[in-house]
C-alpha atoms as a PDB file:
ATOM      1  CA  UNK A   1     166.808 100.214 -16.368  1.00  0.00           C
ATOM      2  CA  UNK A   2     165.516 101.231 -20.583  1.00  0.00           C
ATOM      3  CA  UNK A   3     168.206 102.583 -22.920  1.00  0.00           C
ATOM      4  CA  UNK A   4     167.138 106.147 -21.685  1.00  0.00           C
ATOM      5  CA  UNK A   5     168.223 105.627 -18.188  1.00  0.00           C
ATOM      6  CA  UNK A   6     165.332 105.729 -16.480  1.00  0.00           C
ATOM      7  CA  UNK A   7     163.384 103.374 -14.427  1.00  0.00           C
ATOM      8  CA  UNK A   8     159.943 102.739 -14.848  1.00  0.00           C
ATOM      9  CA  UNK A   9     157.280 102.323 -12.413  1.00  0.00           C
ATOM     10  CA  UNK A  10     154.915  99.589 -13.283  1.00  0.00           C
ATOM     11  CA  UNK A  11     151.358 101.132 -13.508  1.00  0.00           C
ATOM     12  CA  UNK A  12     148.522  99.625 -13.721  1.00  0.00           C
ATOM     13  CA  UNK A  13     146.099 102.591 -15.266  1.00  0.00           C
ATOM     14  CA  UNK A  14     142.203 100.515 -14.402  1.00  0.00           C
ATOM     15  CA  UNK A  15     143.779 101.342 -10.826  1.00  0.00           C
ATOM     16  CA  UNK A  16     145.278 104.584 -11.107  1.00  0.00           C
ATOM     17  CA  UNK A  17     141.768 106.202  -9.216  1.00  0.00           C
ATOM     18  CA  UNK A  18     142.788 108.189  -5.889  1.00  0.00           C
ATOM     19  CA  UNK A  19     146.758 107.038  -6.064  1.00  0.00           C
ATOM     20  CA  UNK A  20     149.036 108.166  -4.067  1.00  0.00           C
ATOM     21  CA  UNK A  21     152.073 110.927  -5.588  1.00  0.00           C
ATOM     22  CA  UNK A  22     155.268 112.276  -4.677  1.00  0.00           C
ATOM     23  CA  UNK A  23     156.944 114.731  -7.105  1.00  0.00           C
ATOM     24  CA  UNK A  24     160.966 114.135  -7.510  1.00  0.00           C
ATOM     25  CA  UNK A  25     161.319 117.228  -8.389  1.00  0.00           C
ATOM     26  CA  UNK A  26     158.843 119.890  -7.113  1.00  0.00           C
ATOM     27  CA  UNK A  27     157.606 122.257  -8.829  1.00  0.00           C
ATOM     28  CA  UNK A  28     155.950 125.750  -7.244  1.00  0.00           C
ATOM     29  CA  UNK A  29     156.209 124.045  -3.894  1.00  0.00           C
ATOM     30  CA  UNK A  30     154.113 121.207  -5.428  1.00  0.00           C
ATOM     31  CA  UNK A  31     155.394 118.278  -4.316  1.00  0.00           C
ATOM     32  CA  UNK A  32     152.341 115.807  -3.919  1.00  0.00           C
ATOM     33  CA  UNK A  33     149.530 115.187  -5.559  1.00  0.00           C
ATOM     34  CA  UNK A  34     146.248 112.376  -5.871  1.00  0.00           C
ATOM     35  CA  UNK A  35     145.009 111.324  -8.818  1.00  0.00           C
ATOM     36  CA  UNK A  36     141.976 112.488  -9.200  1.00  0.00           C
ATOM     37  CA  UNK A  37     140.358 111.892 -11.989  1.00  0.00           C
ATOM     38  CA  UNK A  38     140.624 109.395 -14.710  1.00  0.00           C
ATOM     39  CA  UNK A  39     140.363 110.195 -18.675  1.00  0.00           C
ATOM     40  CA  UNK A  40     139.411 107.332 -21.301  1.00  0.00           C
ATOM     41  CA  UNK A  41     138.923 107.347 -25.030  1.00  0.00           C
ATOM     42  CA  UNK A  42     136.170 106.344 -27.516  1.00  0.00           C
ATOM     43  CA  UNK A  43     136.789 102.286 -26.533  1.00  0.00           C
ATOM     44  CA  UNK A  44     137.369 103.348 -22.460  1.00  0.00           C
ATOM     45  CA  UNK A  45     140.559 102.922 -22.356  1.00  0.00           C
ATOM     46  CA  UNK A  46     142.557 105.159 -19.830  1.00  0.00           C
ATOM     47  CA  UNK A  47     144.657 108.057 -21.861  1.00  0.00           C
ATOM     48  CA  UNK A  48     145.121 110.986 -19.439  1.00  0.00           C
ATOM     49  CA  UNK A  49     144.739 111.627 -15.621  1.00  0.00           C
ATOM     50  CA  UNK A  50     144.097 114.794 -13.851  1.00  0.00           C
ATOM     51  CA  UNK A  51     146.484 114.546 -10.179  1.00  0.00           C
ATOM     52  CA  UNK A  52     145.779 117.247  -8.131  1.00  0.00           C
ATOM     53  CA  UNK A  53     148.427 118.879  -5.613  1.00  0.00           C
ATOM     54  CA  UNK A  54     147.988 118.307  -2.607  1.00  0.00           C
ATOM     55  CA  UNK A  55     148.517 121.961  -0.930  1.00  0.00           C
ATOM     56  CA  UNK A  56     147.513 123.606  -3.645  1.00  0.00           C
ATOM     57  CA  UNK A  57     144.727 122.050  -4.853  1.00  0.00           C
ATOM     58  CA  UNK A  58     145.729 123.149  -8.636  1.00  0.00           C
ATOM     59  CA  UNK A  59     144.825 120.127 -11.026  1.00  0.00           C
ATOM     60  CA  UNK A  60     147.291 119.156 -13.917  1.00  0.00           C
ATOM     61  CA  UNK A  61     146.481 116.822 -16.798  1.00  0.00           C
ATOM     62  CA  UNK A  62     148.873 114.885 -18.061  1.00  0.00           C
ATOM     63  CA  UNK A  63     149.146 111.349 -19.554  1.00  0.00           C
ATOM     64  CA  UNK A  64     149.113 108.988 -17.172  1.00  0.00           C
ATOM     65  CA  UNK A  65     152.055 106.965 -18.768  1.00  0.00           C
ATOM     66  CA  UNK A  66     154.166 109.817 -17.480  1.00  0.00           C
ATOM     67  CA  UNK A  67     154.010 108.622 -14.312  1.00  0.00           C
ATOM     68  CA  UNK A  68     155.736 105.428 -15.492  1.00  0.00           C
ATOM     69  CA  UNK A  69     158.961 107.915 -14.793  1.00  0.00           C
ATOM     70  CA  UNK A  70     160.846 107.041 -11.765  1.00  0.00           C
ATOM     71  CA  UNK A  71     163.467 110.318 -12.249  1.00  0.00           C
ATOM     72  CA  UNK A  72     160.223 112.254 -12.053  1.00  0.00           C
ATOM     73  CA  UNK A  73     157.607 110.530 -10.062  1.00  0.00           C
ATOM     74  CA  UNK A  74     157.583 108.294  -6.981  1.00  0.00           C
ATOM     75  CA  UNK A  75     154.345 106.409  -6.042  1.00  0.00           C
ATOM     76  CA  UNK A  76     152.832 106.977  -2.727  1.00  0.00           C
ATOM     77  CA  UNK A  77     153.518 109.843  -0.215  1.00  0.00           C
ATOM     78  CA  UNK A  78     157.226 110.215   0.362  1.00  0.00           C
END
C-alpha cells in the first residue's frame, strides 16, 4: 500500500495500447474500457491515453498514471 492507502497497478506505458481495463466504480454504466490511443510529448514519452468505453464507445483522455490506482482501475475485464 502507498502512503495514501491505494495499491498501485504495475504498468509499462509503452504496452498500454489495446490493453483492457475495468472501472472499480462505474459511472453511467461504463465499466469496461479499451486503450485506443497513446498521447506522447515532444520527447515521445507517453503522457496520456484515450480510453474508449466498450458499451457506449465514448472516449476519455486520462493521464495514464491514473490507471495505476487499484481503487479506481483493474487491469483486464472482470
